[in-house]
Amino acid sequence: MFFQSWSDFLNMGGYGFYVWLSYGVSLAAIVGLIVQSYRGKKTIFAEVKRELAREQRLQANKTRGGL
């Protein structure tokens, strides 16, 4: 499709609002998924670290004759 000006490009033959809205919603969804993934990764790493520390404490307690 060939546009005569930037205004025509942004207007998209009268469908510009819907086109740019769909791009905006898609971009927001992708950014939201990326942010959620990073937060989830941090949470999972924290849980794994906590579990490893717990297992080390249990192992140390077991070798000392506790419990």
Protein backbone atom coordinates (compact mmCIF):
# COMPACT_ATOMS: atom_id res chain seq x y z
CA MET A 1 0.00 0.00 0.00
CA PHE A 2 1.36 3.43 -0.94
CA PHE A 3 0.63 6.54 1.11
CA GLN A 4 0.98 10.12 -0.10
CA SER A 5 1.88 11.55 3.32
CA TRP A 6 2.48 10.60 6.93
CA SER A 7 -1.05 11.71 7.72
CA ASP A 8 -2.41 9.23 5.19
CA PHE A 9 -0.18 6.55 6.68
CA LEU A 10 -1.45 7.20 10.20
CA ASN A 11 -5.06 7.39 9.01
CA MET A 12 -4.77 4.07 7.12
CA GLY A 13 -7.65 4.83 4.79
CA GLY A 14 -10.05 5.52 7.66
CA TYR A 15 -9.08 2.44 9.66
CA GLY A 16 -6.13 4.01 11.46
CA PHE A 17 -7.80 4.05 14.87
CA TYR A 18 -8.44 0.30 14.78
CA VAL A 19 -5.05 -0.52 13.28
CA TRP A 20 -3.07 1.51 15.80
CA LEU A 21 -5.30 0.41 18.67
CA SER A 22 -4.62 -3.23 17.81
CA TYR A 23 -0.88 -2.53 17.65
CA GLY A 24 -1.04 -0.75 21.01
CA VAL A 25 -2.99 -3.53 22.70
CA SER A 26 -0.62 -6.15 21.28
CA LEU A 27 2.43 -4.22 22.42
CA ALA A 28 0.95 -3.74 25.91
CA ALA A 29 0.21 -7.47 26.15
CA ILE A 30 3.74 -8.42 25.08
CA VAL A 31 5.32 -5.95 27.52
CA GLY A 32 3.04 -7.27 30.27
CA LEU A 33 4.10 -10.84 29.56
CA ILE A 34 7.78 -9.89 29.62
CA VAL A 35 7.40 -8.08 32.96
CA GLN A 36 5.41 -10.98 34.42
CA SER A 37 8.06 -13.46 33.24
CA TYR A 38 10.87 -11.51 34.90
CA ARG A 39 8.93 -11.25 38.16
CA GLY A 40 8.10 -14.94 38.05
CA LYS A 41 11.74 -15.79 37.43
CA LYS A 42 12.81 -13.78 40.47
CA THR A 43 10.18 -15.51 42.61
CA ILE A 44 11.18 -18.98 41.45
CA PHE A 45 14.88 -18.31 42.04
CA ALA A 46 14.10 -17.04 45.55
CA GLU A 47 12.06 -20.17 46.29
CA VAL A 48 14.82 -22.45 45.00
CA LYS A 49 17.42 -20.59 47.07
CA ARG A 50 15.23 -20.87 50.17
CA GLU A 51 14.67 -24.60 49.57
CA LEU A 52 18.39 -25.25 49.08
CA ALA A 53 19.19 -23.43 52.33
CA ARG A 54 16.53 -25.51 54.10
CA GLU A 55 17.97 -28.75 52.73
CA GLN A 56 21.48 -27.72 53.82
CA ARG A 57 20.22 -26.95 57.33
CA LEU A 58 18.47 -30.33 57.50
CA GLN A 59 21.58 -32.13 56.26
CA ALA A 60 23.79 -30.30 58.77
CA ASN A 61 21.36 -31.10 61.56
CA LYS A 62 21.26 -34.75 60.52
CA THR A 63 25.06 -35.10 60.56
CA ARG A 64 25.25 -33.46 64.03
CA GLY A 65 22.82 -36.02 65.37
CA GLY A 66 19.90 -33.69 65.80
CA LEU A 67 16.26 -34.65 65.42
